[in-house]
Amino acid sequence: MISADTLRRSLRSARAALSAAEQQRHACALACSLGKQITFLRAYHVGAYWSTNGELDPFPLLQRAHTRHKLCFLPALRPYPQRKLWFIEYRPGDPLANNRFGIPEPRLHNRRLRLPWALGLLLVPLVGFDARCNRLGMGGGYYDRTLAYLRRCRHWRRPRLIGIAHECQRVEALTPNPWDVPLDMIATEVRIYARKDSL
């Protein structure tokens, strides 16, 4: 059986092999399809991420969110050693600063800060996924720790969780770990996968 680390390397290589033009087409296709989904249309507070290392860029979708007067948020690392995330409001042109992993984050000063349960929709990056909406993350566990309350409070409907990926990151099957937080949907440039019990 292939190890999770080996699978991560393979899938990261696959998305890194996409050209800049392919990346742009995928981001625009995602914005077009996901931007019509009722889950997106109904959400007022939308959390996303700053794409790095070939991740599918959610910013064309966030531009749609801004034109609809939604509030958008990007993740920021909570002070060490918590290894969790909080979400800071972001508007196009806002100043950003790199965190300890080199990923840009909004500055907290004079900005709205949200914990995840205050978001209506959260777009989650991933390394790999299957058609049942199981997610393979980077391995740091930041999203799983941040969203762990959803495993204890199953009646809690917020935020709706949508994984974002290129179709080339799909695998036949993943075996979820006990600590994995299930996603409601996964959206790629080709289609949207929905977890059956989230419909």
N, C-alpha and C. Protein backbone atom coordinates (compact mmCIF):
# COMPACT_ATOMS: atom_id res chain seq x y z
N MET A 1 0.84 -1.19 0.00
CA MET A 1 0.00 0.00 0.00
C MET A 1 0.88 1.25 0.00
N ILE A 2 0.54 2.21 -0.83
CA ILE A 2 1.31 3.44 -0.95
C ILE A 2 1.13 4.28 0.31
N SER A 3 2.23 4.87 0.78
CA SER A 3 2.15 5.68 1.99
C SER A 3 1.54 7.04 1.67
N ALA A 4 1.01 7.70 2.71
CA ALA A 4 0.41 9.02 2.54
C ALA A 4 1.44 10.02 2.05
N ASP A 5 2.67 9.94 2.56
CA ASP A 5 3.72 10.89 2.14
C ASP A 5 4.08 10.70 0.68
N THR A 6 4.16 9.44 0.23
CA THR A 6 4.46 9.16 -1.18
C THR A 6 3.34 9.67 -2.06
N LEU A 7 2.10 9.45 -1.63
CA LEU A 7 0.94 9.91 -2.40
C LEU A 7 0.94 11.44 -2.47
N ARG A 8 1.25 12.10 -1.36
CA ARG A 8 1.31 13.56 -1.36
C ARG A 8 2.34 14.06 -2.37
N ARG A 9 3.52 13.45 -2.39
CA ARG A 9 4.56 13.90 -3.32
C ARG A 9 4.10 13.73 -4.76
N SER A 10 3.46 12.61 -5.05
CA SER A 10 2.98 12.34 -6.41
C SER A 10 1.92 13.34 -6.84
N LEU A 11 0.97 13.62 -5.97
CA LEU A 11 -0.12 14.53 -6.32
C LEU A 11 0.36 15.98 -6.40
N ARG A 12 1.29 16.34 -5.55
CA ARG A 12 1.85 17.70 -5.63
C ARG A 12 2.64 17.88 -6.92
N SER A 13 3.32 16.83 -7.35
CA SER A 13 4.03 16.90 -8.63
C SER A 13 3.06 17.04 -9.79
N ALA A 14 1.93 16.34 -9.70
CA ALA A 14 0.93 16.41 -10.78
C ALA A 14 0.36 17.81 -10.92
N ARG A 15 0.03 18.45 -9.82
CA ARG A 15 -0.53 19.80 -9.93
C ARG A 15 0.55 20.82 -10.27
N ALA A 16 1.80 20.57 -9.83
CA ALA A 16 2.89 21.49 -10.17
C ALA A 16 3.21 21.45 -11.66
N ALA A 17 2.87 20.34 -12.31
CA ALA A 17 3.14 20.20 -13.74
C ALA A 17 2.16 20.99 -14.61
N LEU A 18 1.09 21.49 -14.03
CA LEU A 18 0.13 22.29 -14.79
C LEU A 18 0.77 23.62 -15.19
N SER A 19 0.52 24.04 -16.42
CA SER A 19 1.06 25.32 -16.89
C SER A 19 0.30 26.48 -16.26
N ALA A 20 0.87 27.66 -16.37
CA ALA A 20 0.20 28.85 -15.84
C ALA A 20 -1.14 29.07 -16.54
N ALA A 21 -1.19 28.79 -17.83
CA ALA A 21 -2.45 28.96 -18.57
C ALA A 21 -3.49 27.95 -18.09
N GLU A 22 -3.07 26.72 -17.83
CA GLU A 22 -4.00 25.71 -17.30
C GLU A 22 -4.49 26.11 -15.92
N GLN A 23 -3.59 26.60 -15.09
CA GLN A 23 -3.98 27.05 -13.76
C GLN A 23 -5.06 28.14 -13.85
N GLN A 24 -4.85 29.08 -14.74
CA GLN A 24 -5.80 30.18 -14.88
C GLN A 24 -7.15 29.68 -15.40
N ARG A 25 -7.13 28.77 -16.37
CA ARG A 25 -8.38 28.21 -16.89
C ARG A 25 -9.13 27.47 -15.80
N HIS A 26 -8.41 26.69 -14.99
CA HIS A 26 -9.05 25.93 -13.92
C HIS A 26 -9.68 26.85 -12.89
N ALA A 27 -8.97 27.93 -12.54
CA ALA A 27 -9.51 28.88 -11.56
C ALA A 27 -10.77 29.55 -12.08
N CYS A 28 -10.78 29.92 -13.35
CA CYS A 28 -11.96 30.56 -13.94
C CYS A 28 -13.13 29.58 -14.05
N ALA A 29 -12.83 28.32 -14.41
CA ALA A 29 -13.88 27.31 -14.50
C ALA A 29 -14.49 27.03 -13.14
N LEU A 30 -13.65 26.99 -12.11
CA LEU A 30 -14.14 26.79 -10.74
C LEU A 30 -15.05 27.94 -10.33
N ALA A 31 -14.62 29.16 -10.60
CA ALA A 31 -15.43 30.33 -10.22
C ALA A 31 -16.78 30.30 -10.92
N CYS A 32 -16.79 29.86 -12.18
CA CYS A 32 -18.04 29.83 -12.94
C CYS A 32 -19.00 28.79 -12.37
N SER A 33 -18.50 27.59 -12.10
CA SER A 33 -19.39 26.51 -11.63
C SER A 33 -19.78 26.68 -10.16
N LEU A 34 -18.79 26.92 -9.30
CA LEU A 34 -19.09 27.02 -7.87
C LEU A 34 -19.82 28.32 -7.55
N GLY A 35 -19.57 29.34 -8.38
CA GLY A 35 -20.25 30.61 -8.16
C GLY A 35 -21.75 30.56 -8.38
N LYS A 36 -22.25 29.49 -9.00
CA LYS A 36 -23.69 29.31 -9.23
C LYS A 36 -24.35 28.42 -8.18
N GLN A 37 -23.53 27.81 -7.32
CA GLN A 37 -24.05 26.88 -6.32
C GLN A 37 -24.77 27.63 -5.20
N ILE A 38 -25.88 27.07 -4.75
CA ILE A 38 -26.67 27.72 -3.71
C ILE A 38 -25.87 27.88 -2.42
N THR A 39 -24.95 26.95 -2.17
CA THR A 39 -24.11 27.04 -0.97
C THR A 39 -23.27 28.30 -1.00
N PHE A 40 -22.75 28.64 -2.16
CA PHE A 40 -21.98 29.87 -2.30
C PHE A 40 -22.88 31.09 -2.29
N LEU A 41 -23.97 31.03 -3.01
CA LEU A 41 -24.85 32.19 -3.13
C LEU A 41 -25.44 32.62 -1.79
N ARG A 42 -25.73 31.65 -0.92
CA ARG A 42 -26.35 31.97 0.37
C ARG A 42 -25.36 32.41 1.44
N ALA A 43 -24.09 32.12 1.25
CA ALA A 43 -23.10 32.43 2.28
C ALA A 43 -22.74 33.91 2.24
N TYR A 44 -22.69 34.54 3.41
CA TYR A 44 -22.30 35.94 3.49
C TYR A 44 -20.84 36.09 3.94
N HIS A 45 -20.41 35.24 4.88
CA HIS A 45 -19.03 35.23 5.35
C HIS A 45 -18.33 34.02 4.71
N VAL A 46 -17.38 34.30 3.82
CA VAL A 46 -16.72 33.26 3.04
C VAL A 46 -15.24 33.19 3.39
N GLY A 47 -14.79 32.04 3.85
CA GLY A 47 -13.37 31.82 4.11
C GLY A 47 -12.73 31.11 2.93
N ALA A 48 -11.51 31.52 2.59
CA ALA A 48 -10.79 30.90 1.47
C ALA A 48 -9.35 30.67 1.90
N TYR A 49 -8.42 30.66 0.95
CA TYR A 49 -7.01 30.46 1.26
C TYR A 49 -6.19 31.14 0.16
N TRP A 50 -4.93 31.41 0.49
CA TRP A 50 -3.99 31.96 -0.49
C TRP A 50 -3.29 30.78 -1.15
N SER A 51 -3.49 30.60 -2.45
CA SER A 51 -2.96 29.40 -3.12
C SER A 51 -1.44 29.46 -3.25
N THR A 52 -0.80 28.32 -2.98
CA THR A 52 0.65 28.17 -3.12
C THR A 52 0.94 26.80 -3.71
N ASN A 53 2.12 26.65 -4.28
CA ASN A 53 2.61 25.35 -4.75
C ASN A 53 1.63 24.64 -5.68
N GLY A 54 1.00 25.38 -6.58
CA GLY A 54 0.14 24.76 -7.58
C GLY A 54 -1.29 24.51 -7.13
N GLU A 55 -1.67 24.94 -5.91
CA GLU A 55 -3.07 24.78 -5.49
C GLU A 55 -3.99 25.55 -6.42
N LEU A 56 -5.21 25.03 -6.59
CA LEU A 56 -6.17 25.73 -7.44
C LEU A 56 -6.52 27.06 -6.79
N ASP A 57 -6.40 28.13 -7.55
CA ASP A 57 -6.55 29.48 -7.03
C ASP A 57 -8.03 29.83 -6.85
N PRO A 58 -8.48 30.13 -5.62
CA PRO A 58 -9.89 30.49 -5.41
C PRO A 58 -10.19 31.97 -5.64
N PHE A 59 -9.20 32.77 -6.05
CA PHE A 59 -9.41 34.22 -6.08
C PHE A 59 -10.41 34.70 -7.14
N PRO A 60 -10.51 34.07 -8.31
CA PRO A 60 -11.61 34.49 -9.19
C PRO A 60 -12.98 34.30 -8.54
N LEU A 61 -13.13 33.25 -7.72
CA LEU A 61 -14.38 33.05 -6.99
C LEU A 61 -14.55 34.13 -5.92
N LEU A 62 -13.47 34.50 -5.25
CA LEU A 62 -13.56 35.55 -4.24
C LEU A 62 -13.91 36.90 -4.87
N GLN A 63 -13.45 37.12 -6.09
CA GLN A 63 -13.84 38.35 -6.78
C GLN A 63 -15.36 38.39 -6.98
N ARG A 64 -15.94 37.23 -7.32
CA ARG A 64 -17.40 37.16 -7.42
C ARG A 64 -18.05 37.45 -6.07
N ALA A 65 -17.43 36.91 -5.02
CA ALA A 65 -17.97 37.15 -3.68
C ALA A 65 -17.96 38.65 -3.36
N HIS A 66 -16.88 39.33 -3.68
CA HIS A 66 -16.80 40.77 -3.40
C HIS A 66 -17.84 41.54 -4.20
N THR A 67 -18.06 41.17 -5.45
CA THR A 67 -19.06 41.90 -6.25
C THR A 67 -20.47 41.68 -5.70
N ARG A 68 -20.67 40.58 -4.95
CA ARG A 68 -21.97 40.32 -4.32
C ARG A 68 -22.00 40.85 -2.89
N HIS A 69 -21.00 41.62 -2.52
CA HIS A 69 -20.94 42.28 -1.20
C HIS A 69 -20.84 41.27 -0.06
N LYS A 70 -20.20 40.14 -0.32
CA LYS A 70 -19.92 39.19 0.75
C LYS A 70 -18.63 39.62 1.46
N LEU A 71 -18.48 39.20 2.71
CA LEU A 71 -17.23 39.43 3.43
C LEU A 71 -16.35 38.20 3.26
N CYS A 72 -15.10 38.42 2.86
CA CYS A 72 -14.17 37.32 2.60
C CYS A 72 -13.05 37.31 3.63
N PHE A 73 -12.60 36.12 3.98
CA PHE A 73 -11.60 35.93 5.03
C PHE A 73 -10.53 34.96 4.55
N LEU A 74 -9.28 35.22 4.97
CA LEU A 74 -8.17 34.31 4.71
C LEU A 74 -7.66 33.77 6.04
N PRO A 75 -7.11 32.54 6.02
CA PRO A 75 -6.62 31.97 7.28
C PRO A 75 -5.33 32.63 7.74
N ALA A 76 -5.16 32.63 9.05
CA ALA A 76 -3.92 33.08 9.67
C ALA A 76 -3.58 32.11 10.78
N LEU A 77 -2.29 31.83 10.93
CA LEU A 77 -1.86 30.92 11.99
C LEU A 77 -2.10 31.57 13.34
N ARG A 78 -2.70 30.83 14.24
CA ARG A 78 -2.87 31.34 15.60
C ARG A 78 -1.52 31.27 16.31
N PRO A 79 -1.34 32.06 17.35
CA PRO A 79 -0.01 32.10 18.01
C PRO A 79 0.46 30.70 18.41
N TYR A 80 1.74 30.46 18.18
CA TYR A 80 2.36 29.19 18.55
C TYR A 80 2.18 28.97 20.06
N PRO A 81 1.91 27.76 20.55
CA PRO A 81 1.95 26.48 19.84
C PRO A 81 0.58 25.91 19.47
N GLN A 82 -0.42 26.72 19.27
CA GLN A 82 -1.78 26.19 19.09
C GLN A 82 -1.94 25.34 17.85
N ARG A 83 -1.26 25.68 16.76
CA ARG A 83 -1.35 24.94 15.49
C ARG A 83 -2.80 24.86 15.00
N LYS A 84 -3.49 25.99 15.14
CA LYS A 84 -4.84 26.15 14.61
C LYS A 84 -4.89 27.42 13.79
N LEU A 85 -6.03 27.65 13.15
CA LEU A 85 -6.21 28.81 12.30
C LEU A 85 -7.32 29.70 12.84
N TRP A 86 -7.21 31.00 12.60
CA TRP A 86 -8.36 31.86 12.65
C TRP A 86 -8.43 32.56 11.30
N PHE A 87 -9.45 33.35 11.08
CA PHE A 87 -9.72 33.89 9.76
C PHE A 87 -9.89 35.40 9.85
N ILE A 88 -9.13 36.12 9.02
CA ILE A 88 -9.08 37.58 9.06
C ILE A 88 -9.67 38.12 7.76
N GLU A 89 -10.49 39.14 7.89
CA GLU A 89 -11.14 39.72 6.70
C GLU A 89 -10.09 40.19 5.69
N TYR A 90 -10.38 39.93 4.42
CA TYR A 90 -9.48 40.32 3.34
C TYR A 90 -10.27 40.99 2.23
N ARG A 91 -9.77 42.13 1.77
CA ARG A 91 -10.32 42.81 0.60
C ARG A 91 -9.19 42.99 -0.40
N PRO A 92 -9.49 42.96 -1.69
CA PRO A 92 -8.43 43.11 -2.69
C PRO A 92 -7.58 44.35 -2.42
N GLY A 93 -6.27 44.14 -2.44
CA GLY A 93 -5.34 45.23 -2.19
C GLY A 93 -4.90 45.38 -0.75
N ASP A 94 -5.53 44.63 0.17
CA ASP A 94 -5.11 44.70 1.57
C ASP A 94 -3.67 44.22 1.71
N PRO A 95 -2.89 44.81 2.62
CA PRO A 95 -1.51 44.35 2.82
C PRO A 95 -1.49 42.95 3.44
N LEU A 96 -0.50 42.18 3.03
CA LEU A 96 -0.31 40.82 3.52
C LEU A 96 1.10 40.68 4.07
N ALA A 97 1.28 39.73 4.96
CA ALA A 97 2.61 39.42 5.50
C ALA A 97 2.78 37.90 5.52
N ASN A 98 3.97 37.44 5.18
CA ASN A 98 4.22 36.00 5.16
C ASN A 98 4.25 35.43 6.58
N ASN A 99 3.61 34.27 6.76
CA ASN A 99 3.70 33.58 8.04
C ASN A 99 4.98 32.74 8.08
N ARG A 100 5.14 31.93 9.11
CA ARG A 100 6.39 31.18 9.27
C ARG A 100 6.59 30.11 8.20
N PHE A 101 5.53 29.80 7.42
CA PHE A 101 5.66 28.86 6.31
C PHE A 101 5.80 29.59 4.97
N GLY A 102 5.89 30.91 5.01
CA GLY A 102 6.03 31.69 3.79
C GLY A 102 4.73 31.92 3.05
N ILE A 103 3.59 31.69 3.70
CA ILE A 103 2.28 31.87 3.08
C ILE A 103 1.73 33.24 3.48
N PRO A 104 1.30 34.06 2.53
CA PRO A 104 0.78 35.39 2.86
C PRO A 104 -0.50 35.31 3.70
N GLU A 105 -0.57 36.19 4.69
CA GLU A 105 -1.75 36.31 5.56
C GLU A 105 -2.14 37.78 5.68
N PRO A 106 -3.42 38.07 5.87
CA PRO A 106 -3.81 39.45 6.18
C PRO A 106 -3.26 39.85 7.54
N ARG A 107 -3.01 41.14 7.71
CA ARG A 107 -2.58 41.64 9.01
C ARG A 107 -3.80 41.83 9.89
N LEU A 108 -3.64 41.51 11.15
CA LEU A 108 -4.77 41.56 12.08
C LEU A 108 -5.19 42.98 12.43
N HIS A 109 -4.27 43.91 12.38
CA HIS A 109 -4.54 45.28 12.86
C HIS A 109 -5.77 45.87 12.16
N ASN A 110 -6.75 46.27 12.97
CA ASN A 110 -7.97 46.92 12.47
C ASN A 110 -8.74 46.06 11.47
N ARG A 111 -8.70 44.76 11.63
CA ARG A 111 -9.39 43.86 10.71
C ARG A 111 -10.35 42.97 11.50
N ARG A 112 -11.47 42.61 10.85
CA ARG A 112 -12.39 41.66 11.48
C ARG A 112 -11.72 40.29 11.55
N LEU A 113 -11.86 39.65 12.71
CA LEU A 113 -11.32 38.31 12.91
C LEU A 113 -12.48 37.38 13.21
N ARG A 114 -12.47 36.22 12.58
CA ARG A 114 -13.54 35.23 12.78
C ARG A 114 -12.94 33.89 13.15
N LEU A 115 -13.61 33.19 14.03
CA LEU A 115 -13.34 31.79 14.25
C LEU A 115 -14.20 31.01 13.25
N PRO A 116 -13.88 29.76 12.99
CA PRO A 116 -14.53 29.07 11.86
C PRO A 116 -16.04 28.98 11.96
N TRP A 117 -16.59 28.84 13.17
CA TRP A 117 -18.04 28.69 13.28
C TRP A 117 -18.78 29.98 12.95
N ALA A 118 -18.06 31.09 12.79
CA ALA A 118 -18.69 32.34 12.39
C ALA A 118 -18.69 32.54 10.88
N LEU A 119 -18.18 31.56 10.14
CA LEU A 119 -18.20 31.61 8.68
C LEU A 119 -19.39 30.82 8.16
N GLY A 120 -19.91 31.24 7.03
CA GLY A 120 -20.99 30.46 6.40
C GLY A 120 -20.46 29.41 5.45
N LEU A 121 -19.30 29.69 4.86
CA LEU A 121 -18.69 28.81 3.87
C LEU A 121 -17.18 28.88 4.03
N LEU A 122 -16.52 27.73 3.97
CA LEU A 122 -15.06 27.68 4.05
C LEU A 122 -14.54 26.84 2.90
N LEU A 123 -13.71 27.46 2.06
CA LEU A 123 -13.04 26.78 0.95
C LEU A 123 -11.71 26.25 1.47
N VAL A 124 -11.52 24.93 1.35
CA VAL A 124 -10.39 24.26 2.01
C VAL A 124 -9.42 23.73 0.95
N PRO A 125 -8.13 24.04 1.07
CA PRO A 125 -7.16 23.46 0.14
C PRO A 125 -6.89 22.00 0.48
N LEU A 126 -6.40 21.25 -0.48
CA LEU A 126 -6.08 19.85 -0.23
C LEU A 126 -5.03 19.37 -1.22
N VAL A 127 -4.44 18.23 -0.91
CA VAL A 127 -3.45 17.63 -1.79
C VAL A 127 -4.09 16.54 -2.66
N GLY A 128 -5.02 15.78 -2.07
CA GLY A 128 -5.70 14.73 -2.82
C GLY A 128 -7.10 14.51 -2.28
N PHE A 129 -7.93 13.87 -3.09
CA PHE A 129 -9.30 13.60 -2.67
C PHE A 129 -9.84 12.41 -3.45
N ASP A 130 -10.97 11.87 -2.95
CA ASP A 130 -11.69 10.87 -3.73
C ASP A 130 -13.13 11.34 -3.95
N ALA A 131 -13.87 10.58 -4.73
CA ALA A 131 -15.22 11.00 -5.12
C ALA A 131 -16.19 11.00 -3.95
N ARG A 132 -15.83 10.40 -2.82
CA ARG A 132 -16.68 10.41 -1.62
C ARG A 132 -16.39 11.61 -0.72
N CYS A 133 -15.57 12.53 -1.23
CA CYS A 133 -15.22 13.77 -0.53
C CYS A 133 -14.30 13.55 0.67
N ASN A 134 -13.51 12.49 0.64
CA ASN A 134 -12.44 12.34 1.61
C ASN A 134 -11.27 13.20 1.14
N ARG A 135 -10.59 13.83 2.09
CA ARG A 135 -9.52 14.80 1.79
C ARG A 135 -8.18 14.31 2.32
N LEU A 136 -7.16 14.47 1.51
CA LEU A 136 -5.78 14.28 1.94
C LEU A 136 -5.15 15.66 2.02
N GLY A 137 -4.80 16.10 3.23
CA GLY A 137 -4.22 17.42 3.42
C GLY A 137 -2.71 17.39 3.33
N MET A 138 -2.10 18.51 3.71
CA MET A 138 -0.64 18.63 3.65
C MET A 138 0.06 17.79 4.72
N GLY A 139 -0.68 17.42 5.75
CA GLY A 139 -0.08 16.61 6.81
C GLY A 139 0.17 17.38 8.10
N GLY A 140 -0.03 18.70 8.07
CA GLY A 140 0.19 19.49 9.28
C GLY A 140 -0.98 19.46 10.25
N GLY A 141 -2.17 19.16 9.76
CA GLY A 141 -3.34 19.02 10.62
C GLY A 141 -3.98 20.32 11.05
N TYR A 142 -3.61 21.44 10.45
CA TYR A 142 -4.15 22.73 10.89
C TYR A 142 -5.66 22.81 10.71
N TYR A 143 -6.15 22.40 9.54
CA TYR A 143 -7.60 22.47 9.31
C TYR A 143 -8.35 21.47 10.19
N ASP A 144 -7.81 20.27 10.34
CA ASP A 144 -8.50 19.28 11.18
C ASP A 144 -8.58 19.72 12.63
N ARG A 145 -7.51 20.32 13.15
CA ARG A 145 -7.57 20.82 14.54
C ARG A 145 -8.51 22.01 14.65
N THR A 146 -8.48 22.90 13.65
CA THR A 146 -9.34 24.08 13.68
C THR A 146 -10.82 23.70 13.63
N LEU A 147 -11.12 22.64 12.87
CA LEU A 147 -12.52 22.24 12.66
C LEU A 147 -12.93 21.04 13.51
N ALA A 148 -12.11 20.67 14.49
CA ALA A 148 -12.40 19.47 15.29
C ALA A 148 -13.73 19.56 16.01
N TYR A 149 -14.19 20.77 16.33
CA TYR A 149 -15.46 20.93 17.03
C TYR A 149 -16.63 20.34 16.23
N LEU A 150 -16.49 20.26 14.89
CA LEU A 150 -17.56 19.71 14.06
C LEU A 150 -17.76 18.21 14.28
N ARG A 151 -16.71 17.52 14.72
CA ARG A 151 -16.86 16.10 15.01
C ARG A 151 -17.65 15.88 16.30
N ARG A 152 -17.56 16.84 17.22
CA ARG A 152 -18.27 16.72 18.50
C ARG A 152 -19.69 17.27 18.41
N CYS A 153 -19.90 18.26 17.52
CA CYS A 153 -21.19 18.94 17.42
C CYS A 153 -21.77 18.71 16.03
N ARG A 154 -22.31 17.53 15.81
CA ARG A 154 -22.75 17.18 14.46
C ARG A 154 -23.97 17.97 14.00
N HIS A 155 -24.70 18.57 14.94
CA HIS A 155 -25.84 19.38 14.55
C HIS A 155 -25.41 20.74 14.01
N TRP A 156 -24.13 21.09 14.20
CA TRP A 156 -23.62 22.39 13.80
C TRP A 156 -23.46 22.39 12.28
N ARG A 157 -24.14 23.28 11.59
CA ARG A 157 -24.13 23.30 10.13
C ARG A 157 -23.14 24.30 9.56
N ARG A 158 -22.48 25.05 10.41
CA ARG A 158 -21.60 26.08 9.89
C ARG A 158 -20.16 25.82 10.30
N PRO A 159 -19.21 26.13 9.43
CA PRO A 159 -19.44 26.52 8.05
C PRO A 159 -19.64 25.30 7.16
N ARG A 160 -20.22 25.50 5.99
CA ARG A 160 -20.21 24.45 4.96
C ARG A 160 -18.78 24.36 4.44
N LEU A 161 -18.29 23.15 4.27
CA LEU A 161 -16.89 22.93 3.90
C LEU A 161 -16.80 22.41 2.47
N ILE A 162 -16.09 23.16 1.63
CA ILE A 162 -15.89 22.75 0.24
C ILE A 162 -14.39 22.66 -0.03
N GLY A 163 -13.92 21.47 -0.35
CA GLY A 163 -12.53 21.29 -0.74
C GLY A 163 -12.34 21.77 -2.17
N ILE A 164 -11.18 22.36 -2.45
CA ILE A 164 -10.87 22.90 -3.77
C ILE A 164 -9.63 22.20 -4.30
N ALA A 165 -9.72 21.68 -5.53
CA ALA A 165 -8.58 20.94 -6.09
C ALA A 165 -8.67 20.87 -7.60
N HIS A 166 -7.56 20.58 -8.23
CA HIS A 166 -7.56 20.23 -9.64
C HIS A 166 -8.04 18.79 -9.78
N GLU A 167 -8.67 18.49 -10.89
CA GLU A 167 -9.16 17.13 -11.12
C GLU A 167 -8.01 16.11 -11.10
N CYS A 168 -6.81 16.52 -11.48
CA CYS A 168 -5.67 15.60 -11.48
C CYS A 168 -5.27 15.17 -10.07
N GLN A 169 -5.87 15.77 -9.04
CA GLN A 169 -5.58 15.39 -7.66
C GLN A 169 -6.54 14.32 -7.14
N ARG A 170 -7.47 13.88 -7.97
CA ARG A 170 -8.42 12.85 -7.54
C ARG A 170 -7.76 11.47 -7.59
N VAL A 171 -8.01 10.67 -6.57
CA VAL A 171 -7.54 9.28 -6.51
C VAL A 171 -8.75 8.36 -6.36
N GLU A 172 -8.53 7.10 -6.54
CA GLU A 172 -9.64 6.14 -6.51
C GLU A 172 -10.31 6.11 -5.15
N ALA A 173 -9.52 6.01 -4.10
CA ALA A 173 -10.11 5.93 -2.76
C ALA A 173 -9.09 6.35 -1.71
N LEU A 174 -9.58 7.02 -0.68
CA LEU A 174 -8.78 7.38 0.48
C LEU A 174 -9.45 6.80 1.72
N THR A 175 -8.65 6.37 2.65
CA THR A 175 -9.18 5.88 3.93
C THR A 175 -9.04 7.00 4.95
N PRO A 176 -10.16 7.57 5.40
CA PRO A 176 -10.06 8.69 6.35
C PRO A 176 -9.51 8.25 7.69
N ASN A 177 -8.79 9.15 8.33
CA ASN A 177 -8.32 8.93 9.69
C ASN A 177 -9.41 9.33 10.68
N PRO A 178 -9.36 8.83 11.90
CA PRO A 178 -10.40 9.16 12.88
C PRO A 178 -10.52 10.66 13.15
N TRP A 179 -9.42 11.41 12.98
CA TRP A 179 -9.45 12.84 13.28
C TRP A 179 -9.82 13.70 12.06
N ASP A 180 -9.97 13.09 10.89
CA ASP A 180 -10.31 13.85 9.70
C ASP A 180 -11.72 14.42 9.79
N VAL A 181 -11.87 15.68 9.43
CA VAL A 181 -13.19 16.33 9.40
C VAL A 181 -13.73 16.18 7.97
N PRO A 182 -14.90 15.55 7.80
CA PRO A 182 -15.42 15.34 6.44
C PRO A 182 -15.85 16.64 5.77
N LEU A 183 -15.65 16.69 4.46
CA LEU A 183 -16.07 17.84 3.67
C LEU A 183 -17.48 17.62 3.14
N ASP A 184 -18.20 18.71 2.91
CA ASP A 184 -19.53 18.61 2.32
C ASP A 184 -19.45 18.40 0.80
N MET A 185 -18.48 19.05 0.18
CA MET A 185 -18.30 18.97 -1.27
C MET A 185 -16.82 19.11 -1.59
N ILE A 186 -16.48 18.69 -2.82
CA ILE A 186 -15.17 19.01 -3.39
C ILE A 186 -15.43 19.53 -4.80
N ALA A 187 -14.83 20.67 -5.11
CA ALA A 187 -15.02 21.31 -6.42
C ALA A 187 -13.70 21.33 -7.17
N THR A 188 -13.75 20.92 -8.43
CA THR A 188 -12.61 21.00 -9.32
C THR A 188 -13.01 21.81 -10.55
N GLU A 189 -12.10 21.93 -11.49
CA GLU A 189 -12.42 22.64 -12.73
C GLU A 189 -13.38 21.86 -13.62
N VAL A 190 -13.59 20.57 -13.29
CA VAL A 190 -14.41 19.70 -14.12
C VAL A 190 -15.81 19.49 -13.56
N ARG A 191 -15.89 19.26 -12.25
CA ARG A 191 -17.18 18.95 -11.65
C ARG A 191 -17.16 19.23 -10.15
N ILE A 192 -18.35 19.08 -9.56
CA ILE A 192 -18.49 19.22 -8.11
C ILE A 192 -18.94 17.88 -7.55
N TYR A 193 -18.20 17.39 -6.57
CA TYR A 193 -18.52 16.13 -5.89
C TYR A 193 -19.21 16.48 -4.58
N ALA A 194 -20.28 15.79 -4.26
CA ALA A 194 -21.01 16.05 -3.01
C ALA A 194 -21.02 14.78 -2.18
N ARG A 195 -20.75 14.95 -0.88
CA ARG A 195 -20.87 13.81 0.04
C ARG A 195 -22.34 13.48 0.24
N LYS A 196 -22.69 12.24 0.14
CA LYS A 196 -24.11 11.85 0.11
C LYS A 196 -24.86 12.30 1.34
N ASP A 197 -24.27 12.20 2.51
CA ASP A 197 -25.02 12.56 3.72
C ASP A 197 -25.02 14.06 3.99
N SER A 198 -24.43 14.85 3.06
CA SER A 198 -24.46 16.30 3.25
C SER A 198 -25.53 16.94 2.38
N LEU A 199 -26.19 16.18 1.52
CA LEU A 199 -27.20 16.73 0.62
C LEU A 199 -28.50 17.04 1.36
